[in-house]
Amino acid sequence: MSLYGDLADLYDIAFDWDVTDEAAWLEERLGPDCREVLEPGCGSGRMLEALARRGLHVTGIDNSARMLELARVRIAGLPAEVVEADMTAFDLGRVFDGAVCPINTLMHLTRDGVHTHLRAMAAALRPGARYLVQLGIVPEGEVPHSLWEAERDGVHLVVTWSPESRDGERGVELHRSTISVVSGPRAGEVHEQVHEMTIWDHAGWRDAVEGAGFEWAAVYDGAESGRARLAFDATGGLLWHELVRR
């Protein structure tokens, strides 16, 4: 069963933390002229909702029909819409003022997939538009193990996300997610899935960004509430990268 398909309802609970403050920061970085925002890999719409509540018109794309069902419920009545599409090859027939892609979504794409995704994003953004991408660049042995709990409507989950191995030659890591249902109608269920995640170094990321028609303009610390600006050679699991469409 897929965390992003059959288990989308559990994913929506497990990853449903408050992004209100982060959405405010993203709006500021996107700039005052940004009114139409694109989110590739929008999932169940948590960030779409937060940005739409700030008055932005947001469009999300995702290739999971189940995720988009949940997103449509979340954004009902807000200036937002979702479209089922592949984030590595899409054309919505219009251009946007800015874009966001949080929580390491791009790590789920292959290296070639990221290159084609960035080219598709360049085509979907007006010149000068900012694309805020959260993508970790973490040395071997420094990827953290994460453990947290989440609860909604009587459903209580214990969630872990752990790196298992790294193949530097192929540029991938294997991560294992585990969702244990502690209470609710599905109490006792345990769902594990192994995810092949693409890893990046600074040089490879810069080449991908600049080769697609963007400038790599800034890096910010997404692990801290202040989101301080960092050097381009900074490492961390939740780095925000500010790309500007040339």
C-alpha atoms as a PDB file:
ATOM      1  CA  MET A   1       0.000   0.000   0.000  1.00  0.00           C
ATOM      2  CA  SER A   2       1.292   3.453  -0.905  1.00  0.00           C
ATOM      3  CA  LEU A   3       1.669   6.252   1.640  1.00  0.00           C
ATOM      4  CA  TYR A   4       0.617   8.682  -1.104  1.00  0.00           C
ATOM      5  CA  GLY A   5      -2.267   6.609  -2.472  1.00  0.00           C
ATOM      6  CA  ASP A   6      -4.108   3.944  -0.477  1.00  0.00           C
ATOM      7  CA  LEU A   7      -2.872   5.406   2.827  1.00  0.00           C
ATOM      8  CA  ALA A   8      -3.486   9.058   1.926  1.00  0.00           C
ATOM      9  CA  ASP A   9      -5.976   9.495   4.786  1.00  0.00           C
ATOM     10  CA  LEU A  10      -3.331   8.419   7.316  1.00  0.00           C
ATOM     11  CA  TYR A  11      -0.707  10.580   5.595  1.00  0.00           C
ATOM     12  CA  ASP A  12      -3.038  13.563   5.914  1.00  0.00           C
ATOM     13  CA  ILE A  13      -3.197  13.086   9.687  1.00  0.00           C
ATOM     14  CA  ALA A  14       0.487  12.225  10.138  1.00  0.00           C
ATOM     15  CA  PHE A  15       1.797  15.273   8.284  1.00  0.00           C
ATOM     16  CA  ASP A  16      -0.864  17.792   9.303  1.00  0.00           C
ATOM     17  CA  TRP A  17       1.218  20.233  11.344  1.00  0.00           C
ATOM     18  CA  ASP A  18       0.525  23.960  11.425  1.00  0.00           C
ATOM     19  CA  VAL A  19       2.185  25.808   8.519  1.00  0.00           C
ATOM     20  CA  THR A  20       0.567  29.211   9.122  1.00  0.00           C
ATOM     21  CA  ASP A  21       3.843  30.919  10.041  1.00  0.00           C
ATOM     22  CA  GLU A  22       5.706  29.227   7.201  1.00  0.00           C
ATOM     23  CA  ALA A  23       3.052  30.332   4.700  1.00  0.00           C
ATOM     24  CA  ALA A  24       3.455  33.938   5.870  1.00  0.00           C
ATOM     25  CA  TRP A  25       7.214  33.719   5.337  1.00  0.00           C
ATOM     26  CA  LEU A  26       6.749  32.159   1.892  1.00  0.00           C
ATOM     27  CA  GLU A  27       4.356  34.940   0.870  1.00  0.00           C
ATOM     28  CA  GLU A  28       6.958  37.507   1.926  1.00  0.00           C
ATOM     29  CA  ARG A  29       9.727  35.789  -0.056  1.00  0.00           C
ATOM     30  CA  LEU A  30       7.507  35.432  -3.137  1.00  0.00           C
ATOM     31  CA  GLY A  31       7.143  39.205  -3.173  1.00  0.00           C
ATOM     32  CA  PRO A  32       4.282  41.738  -3.292  1.00  0.00           C
ATOM     33  CA  ASP A  33       3.625  41.215  -7.015  1.00  0.00           C
ATOM     34  CA  CYS A  34       2.950  37.502  -6.576  1.00  0.00           C
ATOM     35  CA  ARG A  35      -0.764  36.718  -6.626  1.00  0.00           C
ATOM     36  CA  GLU A  36      -0.929  33.442  -8.617  1.00  0.00           C
ATOM     37  CA  VAL A  37       1.058  30.616  -6.964  1.00  0.00           C
ATOM     38  CA  LEU A  38       1.774  27.085  -8.155  1.00  0.00           C
ATOM     39  CA  GLU A  39       2.553  24.184  -5.818  1.00  0.00           C
ATOM     40  CA  PRO A  40       3.853  21.041  -7.571  1.00  0.00           C
ATOM     41  CA  GLY A  41       3.434  17.859  -5.529  1.00  0.00           C
ATOM     42  CA  CYS A  42       0.755  19.529  -3.407  1.00  0.00           C
ATOM     43  CA  GLY A  43      -0.424  16.298  -1.757  1.00  0.00           C
ATOM     44  CA  SER A  44      -3.484  16.710   0.439  1.00  0.00           C
ATOM     45  CA  GLY A  45      -3.336  20.507   0.252  1.00  0.00           C
ATOM     46  CA  ARG A  46      -2.010  21.656   3.614  1.00  0.00           C
ATOM     47  CA  MET A  47       0.165  24.429   2.137  1.00  0.00           C
ATOM     48  CA  LEU A  48      -2.435  25.277  -0.517  1.00  0.00           C
ATOM     49  CA  GLU A  49      -4.944  26.022   2.231  1.00  0.00           C
ATOM     50  CA  ALA A  50      -2.498  28.119   4.256  1.00  0.00           C
ATOM     51  CA  LEU A  51      -1.498  30.258   1.265  1.00  0.00           C
ATOM     52  CA  ALA A  52      -5.075  30.624   0.040  1.00  0.00           C
ATOM     53  CA  ARG A  53      -6.137  31.884   3.481  1.00  0.00           C
ATOM     54  CA  ARG A  54      -3.599  34.675   2.990  1.00  0.00           C
ATOM     55  CA  GLY A  55      -5.479  35.813  -0.125  1.00  0.00           C
ATOM     56  CA  LEU A  56      -3.234  34.231  -2.750  1.00  0.00           C
ATOM     57  CA  HIS A  57      -4.754  32.262  -5.607  1.00  0.00           C
ATOM     58  CA  VAL A  58      -3.057  28.873  -5.500  1.00  0.00           C
ATOM     59  CA  THR A  59      -3.011  25.959  -7.913  1.00  0.00           C
ATOM     60  CA  GLY A  60      -1.703  22.564  -6.888  1.00  0.00           C
ATOM     61  CA  ILE A  61      -0.701  19.635  -9.054  1.00  0.00           C
ATOM     62  CA  ASP A  62      -0.154  16.041  -7.947  1.00  0.00           C
ATOM     63  CA  ASN A  63      -0.228  12.620  -9.592  1.00  0.00           C
ATOM     64  CA  SER A  64      -2.180  10.992  -6.735  1.00  0.00           C
ATOM     65  CA  ALA A  65      -5.921  11.118  -7.322  1.00  0.00           C
ATOM     66  CA  ARG A  66      -6.545  10.148  -3.695  1.00  0.00           C
ATOM     67  CA  MET A  67      -4.409  12.997  -2.390  1.00  0.00           C
ATOM     68  CA  LEU A  68      -6.250  15.443  -4.621  1.00  0.00           C
ATOM     69  CA  GLU A  69      -9.600  14.239  -3.270  1.00  0.00           C
ATOM     70  CA  LEU A  70      -8.447  15.222   0.215  1.00  0.00           C
ATOM     71  CA  ALA A  71      -7.053  18.527  -1.063  1.00  0.00           C
ATOM     72  CA  ARG A  72     -10.354  19.487  -2.693  1.00  0.00           C
ATOM     73  CA  VAL A  73     -12.142  19.049   0.631  1.00  0.00           C
ATOM     74  CA  ARG A  74      -9.480  21.106   2.435  1.00  0.00           C
ATOM     75  CA  ILE A  75      -9.563  24.053  -0.007  1.00  0.00           C
ATOM     76  CA  ALA A  76     -13.329  24.171  -0.580  1.00  0.00           C
ATOM     77  CA  GLY A  77     -14.494  27.785  -0.652  1.00  0.00           C
ATOM     78  CA  LEU A  78     -10.958  29.189  -0.910  1.00  0.00           C
ATOM     79  CA  PRO A  79      -9.228  30.770  -3.947  1.00  0.00           C
ATOM     80  CA  ALA A  80      -7.524  27.488  -4.834  1.00  0.00           C
ATOM     81  CA  GLU A  81      -7.720  24.622  -7.286  1.00  0.00           C
ATOM     82  CA  VAL A  82      -5.956  21.324  -7.929  1.00  0.00           C
ATOM     83  CA  VAL A  83      -5.093  19.468 -11.120  1.00  0.00           C
ATOM     84  CA  GLU A  84      -3.992  15.863 -11.531  1.00  0.00           C
ATOM     85  CA  ALA A  85      -0.662  16.073 -13.369  1.00  0.00           C
ATOM     86  CA  ASP A  86       2.891  14.745 -13.375  1.00  0.00           C
ATOM     87  CA  MET A  87       5.209  17.356 -11.872  1.00  0.00           C
ATOM     88  CA  THR A  88       7.998  16.311 -14.248  1.00  0.00           C
ATOM     89  CA  ALA A  89       5.914  16.926 -17.392  1.00  0.00           C
ATOM     90  CA  PHE A  90       2.982  19.315 -17.260  1.00  0.00           C
ATOM     91  CA  ASP A  91       1.587  22.319 -19.080  1.00  0.00           C
ATOM     92  CA  LEU A  92      -1.320  24.160 -17.481  1.00  0.00           C
ATOM     93  CA  GLY A  93      -1.572  26.621 -20.355  1.00  0.00           C
ATOM     94  CA  ARG A  94      -0.657  29.689 -18.280  1.00  0.00           C
ATOM     95  CA  VAL A  95       2.197  31.144 -16.270  1.00  0.00           C
ATOM     96  CA  PHE A  96       2.364  31.881 -12.549  1.00  0.00           C
ATOM     97  CA  ASP A  97       3.837  34.663 -10.412  1.00  0.00           C
ATOM     98  CA  GLY A  98       5.627  32.253  -8.068  1.00  0.00           C
ATOM     99  CA  ALA A  99       5.785  28.699  -6.766  1.00  0.00           C
ATOM    100  CA  VAL A 100       6.538  26.697  -3.628  1.00  0.00           C
ATOM    101  CA  CYS A 101       7.534  23.077  -2.999  1.00  0.00           C
ATOM    102  CA  PRO A 102       7.967  22.166   0.705  1.00  0.00           C
ATOM    103  CA  ILE A 103       9.152  19.160   2.781  1.00  0.00           C
ATOM    104  CA  ASN A 104      11.687  17.589   0.407  1.00  0.00           C
ATOM    105  CA  THR A 105       9.112  16.614  -2.209  1.00  0.00           C
ATOM    106  CA  LEU A 106      11.785  16.793  -4.927  1.00  0.00           C
ATOM    107  CA  MET A 107      13.809  14.059  -3.212  1.00  0.00           C
ATOM    108  CA  HIS A 108      11.136  11.606  -4.358  1.00  0.00           C
ATOM    109  CA  LEU A 109      12.083  12.313  -7.993  1.00  0.00           C
ATOM    110  CA  THR A 110      15.025  10.716  -9.768  1.00  0.00           C
ATOM    111  CA  ARG A 111      17.920  12.975 -10.716  1.00  0.00           C
ATOM    112  CA  ASP A 112      16.652  13.091 -14.314  1.00  0.00           C
ATOM    113  CA  GLY A 113      13.166  13.723 -12.973  1.00  0.00           C
ATOM    114  CA  VAL A 114      14.348  16.800 -11.069  1.00  0.00           C
ATOM    115  CA  HIS A 115      16.007  18.170 -14.201  1.00  0.00           C
ATOM    116  CA  THR A 116      12.804  17.763 -16.235  1.00  0.00           C
ATOM    117  CA  HIS A 117      10.727  19.120 -13.352  1.00  0.00           C
ATOM    118  CA  LEU A 118      12.811  22.286 -13.117  1.00  0.00           C
ATOM    119  CA  ARG A 119      12.533  22.841 -16.874  1.00  0.00           C
ATOM    120  CA  ALA A 120       8.745  22.432 -16.643  1.00  0.00           C
ATOM    121  CA  MET A 121       8.677  24.894 -13.752  1.00  0.00           C
ATOM    122  CA  ALA A 122      10.733  27.429 -15.700  1.00  0.00           C
ATOM    123  CA  ALA A 123       8.148  27.242 -18.482  1.00  0.00           C
ATOM    124  CA  ALA A 124       5.330  27.720 -15.948  1.00  0.00           C
ATOM    125  CA  LEU A 125       6.761  30.852 -14.290  1.00  0.00           C
ATOM    126  CA  ARG A 126       7.082  34.396 -15.563  1.00  0.00           C
ATOM    127  CA  PRO A 127      10.593  35.901 -15.750  1.00  0.00           C
ATOM    128  CA  GLY A 128      11.652  37.163 -12.330  1.00  0.00           C
ATOM    129  CA  ALA A 129       9.271  34.837 -10.479  1.00  0.00           C
ATOM    130  CA  ARG A 130      10.562  33.075  -7.378  1.00  0.00           C
ATOM    131  CA  TYR A 131      10.361  29.335  -6.793  1.00  0.00           C
ATOM    132  CA  LEU A 132      10.845  28.415  -3.115  1.00  0.00           C
ATOM    133  CA  VAL A 133      12.023  24.803  -2.853  1.00  0.00           C
ATOM    134  CA  GLN A 134      12.670  22.936   0.386  1.00  0.00           C
ATOM    135  CA  LEU A 135      15.423  20.411  -0.289  1.00  0.00           C
ATOM    136  CA  GLY A 136      17.871  18.925   2.182  1.00  0.00           C
ATOM    137  CA  ILE A 137      21.582  18.673   1.428  1.00  0.00           C
ATOM    138  CA  VAL A 138      22.926  16.429   4.170  1.00  0.00           C
ATOM    139  CA  PRO A 139      26.321  14.687   4.456  1.00  0.00           C
ATOM    140  CA  GLU A 140      26.370  10.917   4.864  1.00  0.00           C
ATOM    141  CA  GLY A 141      25.589   9.831   8.409  1.00  0.00           C
ATOM    142  CA  GLU A 142      23.857  13.079   9.347  1.00  0.00           C
ATOM    143  CA  VAL A 143      20.303  12.400   8.151  1.00  0.00           C
ATOM    144  CA  PRO A 144      18.182  12.453  11.340  1.00  0.00           C
ATOM    145  CA  HIS A 145      15.720   9.805  12.456  1.00  0.00           C
ATOM    146  CA  SER A 146      12.311  11.367  13.080  1.00  0.00           C
ATOM    147  CA  LEU A 147       9.660  10.187  15.539  1.00  0.00           C
ATOM    148  CA  TRP A 148       6.402  11.991  16.259  1.00  0.00           C
ATOM    149  CA  GLU A 149       2.741  11.462  17.134  1.00  0.00           C
ATOM    150  CA  ALA A 150      -0.368  12.872  15.493  1.00  0.00           C
ATOM    151  CA  GLU A 151      -4.062  12.759  16.334  1.00  0.00           C
ATOM    152  CA  ARG A 152      -7.322  13.805  14.699  1.00  0.00           C
ATOM    153  CA  ASP A 153     -10.939  12.805  15.337  1.00  0.00           C
ATOM    154  CA  GLY A 154      -9.963  10.003  17.689  1.00  0.00           C
ATOM    155  CA  VAL A 155      -7.313   8.538  15.380  1.00  0.00           C
ATOM    156  CA  HIS A 156      -3.923   8.501  17.120  1.00  0.00           C
ATOM    157  CA  LEU A 157      -0.777   7.718  15.107  1.00  0.00           C
ATOM    158  CA  VAL A 158       2.866   7.115  15.954  1.00  0.00           C
ATOM    159  CA  VAL A 159       5.064   7.927  12.972  1.00  0.00           C
ATOM    160  CA  THR A 160       8.743   7.291  12.259  1.00  0.00           C
ATOM    161  CA  TRP A 161      10.862   8.279   9.265  1.00  0.00           C
ATOM    162  CA  SER A 162      14.347   6.768   9.218  1.00  0.00           C
ATOM    163  CA  PRO A 163      17.223   6.601   6.706  1.00  0.00           C
ATOM    164  CA  GLU A 164      18.433   3.050   6.144  1.00  0.00           C
ATOM    165  CA  SER A 165      21.214   3.157   3.574  1.00  0.00           C
ATOM    166  CA  ARG A 166      23.005   5.440   1.123  1.00  0.00           C
ATOM    167  CA  ASP A 167      24.380   4.612  -2.321  1.00  0.00           C
ATOM    168  CA  GLY A 168      26.641   7.532  -3.143  1.00  0.00           C
ATOM    169  CA  GLU A 169      27.483   6.193  -6.596  1.00  0.00           C
ATOM    170  CA  ARG A 170      23.806   6.113  -7.612  1.00  0.00           C
ATOM    171  CA  GLY A 171      22.987   9.229  -5.598  1.00  0.00           C
ATOM    172  CA  VAL A 172      20.134   7.682  -3.611  1.00  0.00           C
ATOM    173  CA  GLU A 173      19.169   6.913  -0.034  1.00  0.00           C
ATOM    174  CA  LEU A 174      16.597   4.418   1.182  1.00  0.00           C
ATOM    175  CA  HIS A 175      14.265   5.799   3.861  1.00  0.00           C
ATOM    176  CA  ARG A 176      11.672   3.793   5.787  1.00  0.00           C
ATOM    177  CA  SER A 177       8.390   5.296   6.952  1.00  0.00           C
ATOM    178  CA  THR A 178       6.287   3.541   9.594  1.00  0.00           C
ATOM    179  CA  ILE A 179       2.795   4.595  10.639  1.00  0.00           C
ATOM    180  CA  SER A 180       1.333   2.769  13.645  1.00  0.00           C
ATOM    181  CA  VAL A 181      -2.367   3.314  14.318  1.00  0.00           C
ATOM    182  CA  VAL A 182      -2.745   3.417  18.104  1.00  0.00           C
ATOM    183  CA  SER A 183      -6.449   4.246  18.362  1.00  0.00           C
ATOM    184  CA  GLY A 184      -9.481   4.725  16.169  1.00  0.00           C
ATOM    185  CA  PRO A 185     -11.352   2.390  13.788  1.00  0.00           C
ATOM    186  CA  ARG A 186      -8.067   1.066  12.351  1.00  0.00           C
ATOM    187  CA  ALA A 187      -6.258   0.599  15.670  1.00  0.00           C
ATOM    188  CA  GLY A 188      -3.519  -2.011  15.480  1.00  0.00           C
ATOM    189  CA  GLU A 189      -2.609  -1.395  11.843  1.00  0.00           C
ATOM    190  CA  VAL A 190       1.081  -0.843  11.093  1.00  0.00           C
ATOM    191  CA  HIS A 191       2.112   0.395   7.659  1.00  0.00           C
ATOM    192  CA  GLU A 192       5.734   0.446   6.500  1.00  0.00           C
ATOM    193  CA  GLN A 193       7.089   1.658   3.194  1.00  0.00           C
ATOM    194  CA  VAL A 194      10.605   2.072   1.825  1.00  0.00           C
ATOM    195  CA  HIS A 195      11.222   5.228  -0.219  1.00  0.00           C
ATOM    196  CA  GLU A 196      14.109   5.703  -2.645  1.00  0.00           C
ATOM    197  CA  MET A 197      15.169   9.316  -2.194  1.00  0.00           C
ATOM    198  CA  THR A 198      17.563  11.201  -4.463  1.00  0.00           C
ATOM    199  CA  ILE A 199      20.412  12.936  -2.641  1.00  0.00           C
ATOM    200  CA  TRP A 200      22.169  16.091  -3.787  1.00  0.00           C
ATOM    201  CA  ASP A 201      25.446  17.865  -3.242  1.00  0.00           C
ATOM    202  CA  HIS A 202      25.843  21.610  -3.740  1.00  0.00           C
ATOM    203  CA  ALA A 203      27.498  21.403  -7.151  1.00  0.00           C
ATOM    204  CA  GLY A 204      24.917  19.023  -8.592  1.00  0.00           C
ATOM    205  CA  TRP A 205      22.019  21.089  -7.288  1.00  0.00           C
ATOM    206  CA  ARG A 206      23.468  24.311  -8.689  1.00  0.00           C
ATOM    207  CA  ASP A 207      23.987  22.688 -12.097  1.00  0.00           C
ATOM    208  CA  ALA A 208      20.377  21.452 -12.142  1.00  0.00           C
ATOM    209  CA  VAL A 209      18.991  24.846 -11.131  1.00  0.00           C
ATOM    210  CA  GLU A 210      21.045  26.940 -13.521  1.00  0.00           C
ATOM    211  CA  GLY A 211      20.676  24.476 -16.387  1.00  0.00           C
ATOM    212  CA  ALA A 212      16.884  24.814 -16.193  1.00  0.00           C
ATOM    213  CA  GLY A 213      16.874  28.607 -16.453  1.00  0.00           C
ATOM    214  CA  PHE A 214      16.883  29.656 -12.789  1.00  0.00           C
ATOM    215  CA  GLU A 215      19.287  31.608 -10.613  1.00  0.00           C
ATOM    216  CA  TRP A 216      20.029  30.028  -7.219  1.00  0.00           C
ATOM    217  CA  ALA A 217      19.517  33.265  -5.292  1.00  0.00           C
ATOM    218  CA  ALA A 218      19.532  32.328  -1.587  1.00  0.00           C
ATOM    219  CA  VAL A 219      19.402  29.549   1.032  1.00  0.00           C
ATOM    220  CA  TYR A 220      17.452  29.702   4.312  1.00  0.00           C
ATOM    221  CA  ASP A 221      17.326  27.577   7.460  1.00  0.00           C
ATOM    222  CA  GLY A 222      13.934  25.899   7.336  1.00  0.00           C
ATOM    223  CA  ALA A 223      14.550  24.051  10.609  1.00  0.00           C
ATOM    224  CA  GLU A 224      14.327  27.257  12.678  1.00  0.00           C
ATOM    225  CA  SER A 225      11.368  29.602  13.009  1.00  0.00           C
ATOM    226  CA  GLY A 226      13.458  32.633  12.027  1.00  0.00           C
ATOM    227  CA  ARG A 227      14.537  31.000   8.753  1.00  0.00           C
ATOM    228  CA  ALA A 228      17.876  32.796   8.758  1.00  0.00           C
ATOM    229  CA  ARG A 229      19.705  33.233   5.480  1.00  0.00           C
ATOM    230  CA  LEU A 230      22.626  30.810   5.145  1.00  0.00           C
ATOM    231  CA  ALA A 231      25.695  30.397   2.957  1.00  0.00           C
ATOM    232  CA  PHE A 232      25.268  28.463  -0.282  1.00  0.00           C
ATOM    233  CA  ASP A 233      27.427  25.629   1.092  1.00  0.00           C
ATOM    234  CA  ALA A 234      25.157  25.153   4.146  1.00  0.00           C
ATOM    235  CA  THR A 235      23.894  21.677   4.945  1.00  0.00           C
ATOM    236  CA  GLY A 236      20.692  20.546   6.622  1.00  0.00           C
ATOM    237  CA  GLY A 237      17.587  18.480   6.122  1.00  0.00           C
ATOM    238  CA  LEU A 238      15.093  21.333   5.716  1.00  0.00           C
ATOM    239  CA  LEU A 239      16.901  23.974   3.679  1.00  0.00           C
ATOM    240  CA  TRP A 240      14.767  26.420   1.720  1.00  0.00           C
ATOM    241  CA  HIS A 241      16.258  27.400  -1.652  1.00  0.00           C
ATOM    242  CA  GLU A 242      15.133  30.591  -3.346  1.00  0.00           C
ATOM    243  CA  LEU A 243      15.272  30.182  -7.121  1.00  0.00           C
ATOM    244  CA  VAL A 244      14.558  33.068  -9.487  1.00  0.00           C
ATOM    245  CA  ARG A 245      13.313  32.479 -13.035  1.00  0.00           C
ATOM    246  CA  ARG A 246      15.725  34.177 -15.447  1.00  0.00           C
END
